[in-house]
């Protein structure tokens, strides 16, 4: 076995003991429980672990250090039945055992009182917070099913955050090209609008402004040539993408597909 700071054989041995003693629907916390779940399922314990409806999560202390996508699935706050425990009891025991004085009646009494106070806190939460929750649901007109659905939507949204399907990428590219094409076309029209309404052709010998403003004239010509080439390139790319996507008529800003894509792009940017 590959040596590391935390060898897998030790937590696997604990899981084996849990399956034998606690049987069904046990919840185990481990600081790397999110990744260790795949180790359990790949081991000989995987079948029994799944059949008994057991679950492994991340304790509250380490859970907040994991990314939010992990927390939506493995943190205690999102697991029904986890209660108010932070699953850090083993650290409390280790801390107490490291003290110079041995375990005595006072420590057992303190442990008992901690369990008792946790029980009282749980009862108060169930009684008092339930009233507040029911009042909030009644005022907002929502049911328990809405809360469960929103929680699942959050998990799915976070899991897909930053990912795009091929359809989205192609559609976004098409709309971006349309925007660039429209901007370039507007710039090209601005150049045309600069032509005087009373324009008259002047032979080079009579064009005094050209000889006196050579630099400005060349910049204007370069600017025009650049945008003309960009316009041709963009038109070619737009047509090629329309053929590939099967777009019969070019999308306009008023098109439903165009507006839907713009909303998606705004959300994607956000």
C-alpha atoms as a PDB file:
ATOM      1  CA  UNK A   1       0.000   0.000   0.000  1.00  0.00           C
ATOM      2  CA  UNK A   2       1.195   3.509  -0.802  1.00  0.00           C
ATOM      3  CA  UNK A   3       2.330   5.239   2.362  1.00  0.00           C
ATOM      4  CA  UNK A   4       0.781   8.575   3.210  1.00  0.00           C
ATOM      5  CA  UNK A   5      -0.211  10.597   6.223  1.00  0.00           C
ATOM      6  CA  UNK A   6      -3.560   8.798   6.475  1.00  0.00           C
ATOM      7  CA  UNK A   7      -3.512   5.237   5.167  1.00  0.00           C
ATOM      8  CA  UNK A   8      -6.845   4.074   3.796  1.00  0.00           C
ATOM      9  CA  UNK A   9      -6.751   0.760   5.632  1.00  0.00           C
ATOM     10  CA  UNK A  10      -7.404   2.421   9.011  1.00  0.00           C
ATOM     11  CA  UNK A  11     -10.634   4.287   8.124  1.00  0.00           C
ATOM     12  CA  UNK A  12     -11.759   1.234   6.146  1.00  0.00           C
ATOM     13  CA  UNK A  13     -11.361  -0.859   9.286  1.00  0.00           C
ATOM     14  CA  UNK A  14     -13.499   1.672  11.163  1.00  0.00           C
ATOM     15  CA  UNK A  15     -16.180   1.547   8.456  1.00  0.00           C
ATOM     16  CA  UNK A  16     -16.180  -2.251   8.684  1.00  0.00           C
ATOM     17  CA  UNK A  17     -16.763  -2.035  12.432  1.00  0.00           C
ATOM     18  CA  UNK A  18     -19.516   0.554  11.974  1.00  0.00           C
ATOM     19  CA  UNK A  19     -21.333  -1.690   9.505  1.00  0.00           C
ATOM     20  CA  UNK A  20     -21.279  -4.551  11.988  1.00  0.00           C
ATOM     21  CA  UNK A  21     -22.243  -2.613  15.119  1.00  0.00           C
ATOM     22  CA  UNK A  22     -24.489   0.222  13.928  1.00  0.00           C
ATOM     23  CA  UNK A  23     -25.967  -1.541  10.931  1.00  0.00           C
ATOM     24  CA  UNK A  24     -28.346   0.473   8.731  1.00  0.00           C
ATOM     25  CA  UNK A  25     -28.477   4.223   7.988  1.00  0.00           C
ATOM     26  CA  UNK A  26     -25.303   5.197   9.821  1.00  0.00           C
ATOM     27  CA  UNK A  27     -23.652   8.543   9.140  1.00  0.00           C
ATOM     28  CA  UNK A  28     -19.877   8.751   9.412  1.00  0.00           C
ATOM     29  CA  UNK A  29     -17.826  11.956   9.268  1.00  0.00           C
ATOM     30  CA  UNK A  30     -14.268  12.131   7.990  1.00  0.00           C
ATOM     31  CA  UNK A  31     -12.187  15.179   7.131  1.00  0.00           C
ATOM     32  CA  UNK A  32     -11.787  13.825   3.586  1.00  0.00           C
ATOM     33  CA  UNK A  33     -15.098  11.988   3.529  1.00  0.00           C
ATOM     34  CA  UNK A  34     -16.015  13.465   0.138  1.00  0.00           C
ATOM     35  CA  UNK A  35     -13.104  11.699  -1.557  1.00  0.00           C
ATOM     36  CA  UNK A  36     -13.035   8.684   0.728  1.00  0.00           C
ATOM     37  CA  UNK A  37     -16.565   7.708  -0.330  1.00  0.00           C
ATOM     38  CA  UNK A  38     -15.213   6.438  -3.655  1.00  0.00           C
ATOM     39  CA  UNK A  39     -12.614   4.379  -1.765  1.00  0.00           C
ATOM     40  CA  UNK A  40     -15.359   2.734   0.284  1.00  0.00           C
ATOM     41  CA  UNK A  41     -17.473   1.924  -2.769  1.00  0.00           C
ATOM     42  CA  UNK A  42     -14.448   0.508  -4.589  1.00  0.00           C
ATOM     43  CA  UNK A  43     -13.540  -1.749  -1.636  1.00  0.00           C
ATOM     44  CA  UNK A  44     -15.122  -4.996  -0.463  1.00  0.00           C
ATOM     45  CA  UNK A  45     -17.259  -2.930   1.932  1.00  0.00           C
ATOM     46  CA  UNK A  46     -18.940  -1.004  -0.867  1.00  0.00           C
ATOM     47  CA  UNK A  47     -21.836  -3.388  -1.414  1.00  0.00           C
ATOM     48  CA  UNK A  48     -22.778  -3.623   2.274  1.00  0.00           C
ATOM     49  CA  UNK A  49     -22.265   0.128   2.730  1.00  0.00           C
ATOM     50  CA  UNK A  50     -24.747   0.844  -0.061  1.00  0.00           C
ATOM     51  CA  UNK A  51     -27.270  -1.827   0.913  1.00  0.00           C
ATOM     52  CA  UNK A  52     -27.437  -0.597   4.508  1.00  0.00           C
ATOM     53  CA  UNK A  53     -28.068   2.970   3.342  1.00  0.00           C
ATOM     54  CA  UNK A  54     -24.965   4.346   5.051  1.00  0.00           C
ATOM     55  CA  UNK A  55     -23.416   7.699   4.223  1.00  0.00           C
ATOM     56  CA  UNK A  56     -20.093   9.389   4.785  1.00  0.00           C
ATOM     57  CA  UNK A  57     -19.714  13.161   5.057  1.00  0.00           C
ATOM     58  CA  UNK A  58     -17.221  15.815   6.126  1.00  0.00           C
ATOM     59  CA  UNK A  59     -17.202  17.105   9.685  1.00  0.00           C
ATOM     60  CA  UNK A  60     -18.164  20.733  10.264  1.00  0.00           C
ATOM     61  CA  UNK A  61     -14.635  21.927  11.060  1.00  0.00           C
ATOM     62  CA  UNK A  62     -13.024  20.588   7.880  1.00  0.00           C
ATOM     63  CA  UNK A  63     -16.176  20.966   5.777  1.00  0.00           C
ATOM     64  CA  UNK A  64     -15.961  24.751   5.616  1.00  0.00           C
ATOM     65  CA  UNK A  65     -12.469  24.471   4.140  1.00  0.00           C
ATOM     66  CA  UNK A  66     -13.805  22.506   1.148  1.00  0.00           C
ATOM     67  CA  UNK A  67     -15.184  24.182  -1.956  1.00  0.00           C
ATOM     68  CA  UNK A  68     -18.881  24.999  -1.981  1.00  0.00           C
ATOM     69  CA  UNK A  69     -19.713  22.332  -4.560  1.00  0.00           C
ATOM     70  CA  UNK A  70     -18.406  19.774  -2.069  1.00  0.00           C
ATOM     71  CA  UNK A  71     -20.258  21.394   0.824  1.00  0.00           C
ATOM     72  CA  UNK A  72     -23.644  21.166  -0.939  1.00  0.00           C
ATOM     73  CA  UNK A  73     -23.301  17.372  -0.930  1.00  0.00           C
ATOM     74  CA  UNK A  74     -21.067  16.489   2.005  1.00  0.00           C
ATOM     75  CA  UNK A  75     -21.386  19.204   4.663  1.00  0.00           C
ATOM     76  CA  UNK A  76     -23.521  18.459   7.717  1.00  0.00           C
ATOM     77  CA  UNK A  77     -25.763  21.474   7.080  1.00  0.00           C
ATOM     78  CA  UNK A  78     -27.130  19.840   3.938  1.00  0.00           C
ATOM     79  CA  UNK A  79     -27.612  16.305   5.260  1.00  0.00           C
ATOM     80  CA  UNK A  80     -30.998  15.465   6.733  1.00  0.00           C
ATOM     81  CA  UNK A  81     -30.720  13.718  10.084  1.00  0.00           C
ATOM     82  CA  UNK A  82     -27.236  15.027  10.913  1.00  0.00           C
ATOM     83  CA  UNK A  83     -28.656  17.041  13.808  1.00  0.00           C
ATOM     84  CA  UNK A  84     -26.681  19.745  15.580  1.00  0.00           C
ATOM     85  CA  UNK A  85     -23.492  17.756  16.086  1.00  0.00           C
ATOM     86  CA  UNK A  86     -20.286  18.993  14.501  1.00  0.00           C
ATOM     87  CA  UNK A  87     -18.906  15.426  14.386  1.00  0.00           C
ATOM     88  CA  UNK A  88     -15.778  16.550  16.169  1.00  0.00           C
ATOM     89  CA  UNK A  89     -16.301  14.434  19.271  1.00  0.00           C
ATOM     90  CA  UNK A  90     -13.144  12.410  18.699  1.00  0.00           C
ATOM     91  CA  UNK A  91     -11.087  15.595  18.874  1.00  0.00           C
ATOM     92  CA  UNK A  92     -12.732  16.424  22.208  1.00  0.00           C
ATOM     93  CA  UNK A  93     -11.835  12.994  23.558  1.00  0.00           C
ATOM     94  CA  UNK A  94      -8.260  13.262  22.325  1.00  0.00           C
ATOM     95  CA  UNK A  95      -7.957  16.703  23.884  1.00  0.00           C
ATOM     96  CA  UNK A  96      -9.193  15.416  27.218  1.00  0.00           C
ATOM     97  CA  UNK A  97      -6.983  12.327  27.119  1.00  0.00           C
ATOM     98  CA  UNK A  98      -3.914  14.479  26.553  1.00  0.00           C
ATOM     99  CA  UNK A  99      -4.422  16.160  29.909  1.00  0.00           C
ATOM    100  CA  UNK A 100      -2.121  15.149  32.738  1.00  0.00           C
ATOM    101  CA  UNK A 101      -4.947  14.093  35.020  1.00  0.00           C
ATOM    102  CA  UNK A 102      -6.580  10.728  34.221  1.00  0.00           C
ATOM    103  CA  UNK A 103     -10.245  10.278  33.425  1.00  0.00           C
ATOM    104  CA  UNK A 104     -12.275  10.710  36.575  1.00  0.00           C
ATOM    105  CA  UNK A 105     -15.872  11.146  37.651  1.00  0.00           C
ATOM    106  CA  UNK A 106     -15.807  14.882  36.921  1.00  0.00           C
ATOM    107  CA  UNK A 107     -14.898  14.320  33.269  1.00  0.00           C
ATOM    108  CA  UNK A 108     -17.600  11.695  32.877  1.00  0.00           C
ATOM    109  CA  UNK A 109     -20.044  14.098  34.509  1.00  0.00           C
ATOM    110  CA  UNK A 110     -19.040  16.907  32.138  1.00  0.00           C
ATOM    111  CA  UNK A 111     -19.469  14.583  29.165  1.00  0.00           C
ATOM    112  CA  UNK A 112     -22.912  13.580  30.397  1.00  0.00           C
ATOM    113  CA  UNK A 113     -23.902  17.215  30.874  1.00  0.00           C
ATOM    114  CA  UNK A 114     -22.714  18.036  27.344  1.00  0.00           C
ATOM    115  CA  UNK A 115     -24.916  15.296  25.913  1.00  0.00           C
ATOM    116  CA  UNK A 116     -27.834  16.470  28.070  1.00  0.00           C
ATOM    117  CA  UNK A 117     -27.490  20.101  26.968  1.00  0.00           C
ATOM    118  CA  UNK A 118     -27.259  19.040  23.326  1.00  0.00           C
ATOM    119  CA  UNK A 119     -30.480  17.107  23.779  1.00  0.00           C
ATOM    120  CA  UNK A 120     -32.238  20.118  25.342  1.00  0.00           C
ATOM    121  CA  UNK A 121     -30.960  22.361  22.544  1.00  0.00           C
ATOM    122  CA  UNK A 122     -32.290  19.951  19.923  1.00  0.00           C
ATOM    123  CA  UNK A 123     -35.733  19.877  21.564  1.00  0.00           C
ATOM    124  CA  UNK A 124     -35.849  23.678  21.719  1.00  0.00           C
ATOM    125  CA  UNK A 125     -34.879  23.941  18.060  1.00  0.00           C
ATOM    126  CA  UNK A 126     -37.590  21.481  17.034  1.00  0.00           C
ATOM    127  CA  UNK A 127     -40.283  23.209  19.097  1.00  0.00           C
ATOM    128  CA  UNK A 128     -39.418  26.890  18.613  1.00  0.00           C
ATOM    129  CA  UNK A 129     -37.815  26.954  15.163  1.00  0.00           C
ATOM    130  CA  UNK A 130     -40.587  24.809  13.724  1.00  0.00           C
ATOM    131  CA  UNK A 131     -43.096  27.531  14.607  1.00  0.00           C
ATOM    132  CA  UNK A 132     -40.945  30.181  12.930  1.00  0.00           C
ATOM    133  CA  UNK A 133     -40.418  28.001   9.864  1.00  0.00           C
ATOM    134  CA  UNK A 134     -44.114  27.180   9.527  1.00  0.00           C
ATOM    135  CA  UNK A 135     -44.971  30.871   9.805  1.00  0.00           C
ATOM    136  CA  UNK A 136     -42.447  31.782   7.128  1.00  0.00           C
ATOM    137  CA  UNK A 137     -43.745  29.060   4.803  1.00  0.00           C
ATOM    138  CA  UNK A 138     -47.320  30.221   5.314  1.00  0.00           C
ATOM    139  CA  UNK A 139     -46.474  33.880   4.617  1.00  0.00           C
ATOM    140  CA  UNK A 140     -44.469  32.988   1.498  1.00  0.00           C
ATOM    141  CA  UNK A 141     -46.918  30.355   0.301  1.00  0.00           C
ATOM    142  CA  UNK A 142     -44.359  27.552   0.027  1.00  0.00           C
ATOM    143  CA  UNK A 143     -44.307  23.909   1.050  1.00  0.00           C
ATOM    144  CA  UNK A 144     -41.665  21.459   2.221  1.00  0.00           C
ATOM    145  CA  UNK A 145     -41.426  20.232  -1.345  1.00  0.00           C
ATOM    146  CA  UNK A 146     -40.287  23.688  -2.457  1.00  0.00           C
ATOM    147  CA  UNK A 147     -37.451  23.701   0.069  1.00  0.00           C
ATOM    148  CA  UNK A 148     -36.275  20.277  -1.055  1.00  0.00           C
ATOM    149  CA  UNK A 149     -36.519  21.264  -4.716  1.00  0.00           C
ATOM    150  CA  UNK A 150     -34.556  24.477  -4.146  1.00  0.00           C
ATOM    151  CA  UNK A 151     -31.866  22.568  -2.291  1.00  0.00           C
ATOM    152  CA  UNK A 152     -31.550  20.139  -5.197  1.00  0.00           C
ATOM    153  CA  UNK A 153     -31.497  23.006  -7.703  1.00  0.00           C
ATOM    154  CA  UNK A 154     -28.675  24.626  -5.743  1.00  0.00           C
ATOM    155  CA  UNK A 155     -26.653  21.393  -5.847  1.00  0.00           C
ATOM    156  CA  UNK A 156     -27.186  21.034  -9.598  1.00  0.00           C
ATOM    157  CA  UNK A 157     -26.412  24.702 -10.268  1.00  0.00           C
ATOM    158  CA  UNK A 158     -23.175  24.675  -8.258  1.00  0.00           C
ATOM    159  CA  UNK A 159     -22.118  21.378  -9.839  1.00  0.00           C
ATOM    160  CA  UNK A 160     -22.557  22.809 -13.356  1.00  0.00           C
ATOM    161  CA  UNK A 161     -21.135  26.239 -12.565  1.00  0.00           C
ATOM    162  CA  UNK A 162     -18.381  27.103 -15.024  1.00  0.00           C
ATOM    163  CA  UNK A 163     -19.361  24.308 -17.405  1.00  0.00           C
ATOM    164  CA  UNK A 164     -21.061  24.753 -20.762  1.00  0.00           C
ATOM    165  CA  UNK A 165     -22.579  22.364 -23.245  1.00  0.00           C
ATOM    166  CA  UNK A 166     -21.438  22.407 -26.867  1.00  0.00           C
ATOM    167  CA  UNK A 167     -24.788  23.905 -27.875  1.00  0.00           C
ATOM    168  CA  UNK A 168     -24.242  26.838 -25.532  1.00  0.00           C
ATOM    169  CA  UNK A 169     -20.719  27.460 -26.821  1.00  0.00           C
ATOM    170  CA  UNK A 170     -21.811  27.493 -30.473  1.00  0.00           C
ATOM    171  CA  UNK A 171     -24.807  29.709 -29.795  1.00  0.00           C
ATOM    172  CA  UNK A 172     -22.799  32.166 -27.735  1.00  0.00           C
ATOM    173  CA  UNK A 173     -20.132  32.300 -30.437  1.00  0.00           C
ATOM    174  CA  UNK A 174     -22.775  32.977 -33.079  1.00  0.00           C
ATOM    175  CA  UNK A 175     -24.349  35.831 -31.114  1.00  0.00           C
ATOM    176  CA  UNK A 176     -20.923  37.315 -30.315  1.00  0.00           C
ATOM    177  CA  UNK A 177     -20.065  37.248 -34.022  1.00  0.00           C
ATOM    178  CA  UNK A 178     -23.360  38.974 -34.823  1.00  0.00           C
ATOM    179  CA  UNK A 179     -22.542  41.685 -32.287  1.00  0.00           C
ATOM    180  CA  UNK A 180     -19.051  42.187 -33.732  1.00  0.00           C
ATOM    181  CA  UNK A 181     -20.482  42.222 -37.263  1.00  0.00           C
ATOM    182  CA  UNK A 182     -23.020  44.873 -36.301  1.00  0.00           C
ATOM    183  CA  UNK A 183     -20.394  47.036 -34.565  1.00  0.00           C
ATOM    184  CA  UNK A 184     -17.984  46.767 -37.492  1.00  0.00           C
ATOM    185  CA  UNK A 185     -20.745  47.549 -39.959  1.00  0.00           C
ATOM    186  CA  UNK A 186     -21.684  50.640 -37.947  1.00  0.00           C
ATOM    187  CA  UNK A 187     -18.049  51.791 -37.964  1.00  0.00           C
ATOM    188  CA  UNK A 188     -17.880  51.259 -41.715  1.00  0.00           C
ATOM    189  CA  UNK A 189     -21.040  53.347 -42.153  1.00  0.00           C
ATOM    190  CA  UNK A 190     -19.502  56.098 -40.051  1.00  0.00           C
ATOM    191  CA  UNK A 191     -16.626  56.310 -42.531  1.00  0.00           C
ATOM    192  CA  UNK A 192     -19.085  56.587 -45.399  1.00  0.00           C
ATOM    193  CA  UNK A 193     -21.067  59.271 -43.569  1.00  0.00           C
ATOM    194  CA  UNK A 194     -17.902  61.376 -43.410  1.00  0.00           C
ATOM    195  CA  UNK A 195     -18.122  61.953 -47.183  1.00  0.00           C
ATOM    196  CA  UNK A 196     -19.341  65.540 -47.715  1.00  0.00           C
ATOM    197  CA  UNK A 197     -22.759  65.950 -49.272  1.00  0.00           C
ATOM    198  CA  UNK A 198     -21.265  68.319 -51.858  1.00  0.00           C
ATOM    199  CA  UNK A 199     -18.327  66.033 -52.632  1.00  0.00           C
ATOM    200  CA  UNK A 200     -16.520  66.739 -55.911  1.00  0.00           C
ATOM    201  CA  UNK A 201     -13.608  64.864 -57.391  1.00  0.00           C
ATOM    202  CA  UNK A 202     -10.360  66.811 -57.449  1.00  0.00           C
ATOM    203  CA  UNK A 203      -7.327  65.764 -59.487  1.00  0.00           C
ATOM    204  CA  UNK A 204      -4.227  64.999 -57.394  1.00  0.00           C
ATOM    205  CA  UNK A 205      -2.533  68.180 -58.514  1.00  0.00           C
ATOM    206  CA  UNK A 206      -5.413  70.255 -57.129  1.00  0.00           C
ATOM    207  CA  UNK A 207      -5.822  68.277 -53.867  1.00  0.00           C
ATOM    208  CA  UNK A 208      -3.854  70.569 -51.591  1.00  0.00           C
ATOM    209  CA  UNK A 209      -5.171  68.868 -48.390  1.00  0.00           C
ATOM    210  CA  UNK A 210      -3.722  65.518 -49.428  1.00  0.00           C
ATOM    211  CA  UNK A 211      -0.210  66.896 -49.778  1.00  0.00           C
ATOM    212  CA  UNK A 212      -0.404  68.889 -46.575  1.00  0.00           C
ATOM    213  CA  UNK A 213      -2.085  66.188 -44.448  1.00  0.00           C
ATOM    214  CA  UNK A 214      -0.484  63.008 -45.786  1.00  0.00           C
ATOM    215  CA  UNK A 215      -0.216  61.374 -42.343  1.00  0.00           C
ATOM    216  CA  UNK A 216      -3.852  61.975 -41.387  1.00  0.00           C
ATOM    217  CA  UNK A 217      -5.067  60.825 -44.774  1.00  0.00           C
ATOM    218  CA  UNK A 218      -3.066  57.590 -44.625  1.00  0.00           C
ATOM    219  CA  UNK A 219      -4.373  56.843 -41.133  1.00  0.00           C
ATOM    220  CA  UNK A 220      -7.921  57.333 -42.374  1.00  0.00           C
ATOM    221  CA  UNK A 221      -7.294  55.025 -45.328  1.00  0.00           C
ATOM    222  CA  UNK A 222      -5.726  52.372 -43.091  1.00  0.00           C
ATOM    223  CA  UNK A 223      -8.650  52.629 -40.684  1.00  0.00           C
ATOM    224  CA  UNK A 224     -11.103  52.169 -43.536  1.00  0.00           C
ATOM    225  CA  UNK A 225      -9.201  49.244 -45.037  1.00  0.00           C
ATOM    226  CA  UNK A 226      -8.929  47.487 -41.652  1.00  0.00           C
ATOM    227  CA  UNK A 227     -12.666  47.690 -40.946  1.00  0.00           C
ATOM    228  CA  UNK A 228     -13.517  46.644 -44.493  1.00  0.00           C
ATOM    229  CA  UNK A 229     -11.382  43.514 -44.090  1.00  0.00           C
ATOM    230  CA  UNK A 230     -12.886  42.810 -40.652  1.00  0.00           C
ATOM    231  CA  UNK A 231     -16.368  43.180 -42.125  1.00  0.00           C
ATOM    232  CA  UNK A 232     -15.598  40.651 -44.868  1.00  0.00           C
ATOM    233  CA  UNK A 233     -14.059  38.198 -42.387  1.00  0.00           C
ATOM    234  CA  UNK A 234     -16.950  38.445 -39.949  1.00  0.00           C
ATOM    235  CA  UNK A 235     -19.529  38.011 -42.683  1.00  0.00           C
ATOM    236  CA  UNK A 236     -17.730  34.880 -43.851  1.00  0.00           C
ATOM    237  CA  UNK A 237     -17.583  33.450 -40.286  1.00  0.00           C
ATOM    238  CA  UNK A 238     -21.229  34.245 -39.601  1.00  0.00           C
ATOM    239  CA  UNK A 239     -22.403  32.580 -42.817  1.00  0.00           C
ATOM    240  CA  UNK A 240     -20.199  29.526 -42.198  1.00  0.00           C
ATOM    241  CA  UNK A 241     -21.583  29.129 -38.655  1.00  0.00           C
ATOM    242  CA  UNK A 242     -25.160  29.611 -39.849  1.00  0.00           C
ATOM    243  CA  UNK A 243     -24.707  26.828 -42.387  1.00  0.00           C
ATOM    244  CA  UNK A 244     -23.199  24.551 -39.750  1.00  0.00           C
ATOM    245  CA  UNK A 245     -25.944  25.299 -37.198  1.00  0.00           C
ATOM    246  CA  UNK A 246     -28.754  25.152 -39.737  1.00  0.00           C
ATOM    247  CA  UNK A 247     -29.852  28.768 -39.222  1.00  0.00           C
ATOM    248  CA  UNK A 248     -32.107  29.620 -42.151  1.00  0.00           C
ATOM    249  CA  UNK A 249     -32.530  33.311 -41.310  1.00  0.00           C
ATOM    250  CA  UNK A 250     -29.927  35.396 -39.547  1.00  0.00           C
ATOM    251  CA  UNK A 251     -30.879  36.165 -35.959  1.00  0.00           C
ATOM    252  CA  UNK A 252     -31.829  39.746 -35.138  1.00  0.00           C
ATOM    253  CA  UNK A 253     -31.785  41.431 -31.712  1.00  0.00           C
ATOM    254  CA  UNK A 254     -35.563  40.977 -31.637  1.00  0.00           C
ATOM    255  CA  UNK A 255     -35.366  37.227 -32.344  1.00  0.00           C
ATOM    256  CA  UNK A 256     -36.403  34.992 -29.385  1.00  0.00           C
ATOM    257  CA  UNK A 257     -33.275  32.848 -29.834  1.00  0.00           C
ATOM    258  CA  UNK A 258     -31.051  35.925 -29.791  1.00  0.00           C
ATOM    259  CA  UNK A 259     -32.677  37.340 -26.648  1.00  0.00           C
ATOM    260  CA  UNK A 260     -32.569  33.979 -24.845  1.00  0.00           C
ATOM    261  CA  UNK A 261     -28.870  33.645 -25.637  1.00  0.00           C
ATOM    262  CA  UNK A 262     -28.195  37.186 -24.432  1.00  0.00           C
ATOM    263  CA  UNK A 263     -29.863  36.347 -21.098  1.00  0.00           C
ATOM    264  CA  UNK A 264     -27.724  33.239 -20.821  1.00  0.00           C
ATOM    265  CA  UNK A 265     -24.577  35.216 -21.635  1.00  0.00           C
ATOM    266  CA  UNK A 266     -25.453  37.806 -18.987  1.00  0.00           C
ATOM    267  CA  UNK A 267     -25.935  35.052 -16.410  1.00  0.00           C
ATOM    268  CA  UNK A 268     -22.723  33.361 -17.579  1.00  0.00           C
ATOM    269  CA  UNK A 269     -20.794  36.610 -17.139  1.00  0.00           C
ATOM    270  CA  UNK A 270     -22.325  37.096 -13.688  1.00  0.00           C
END
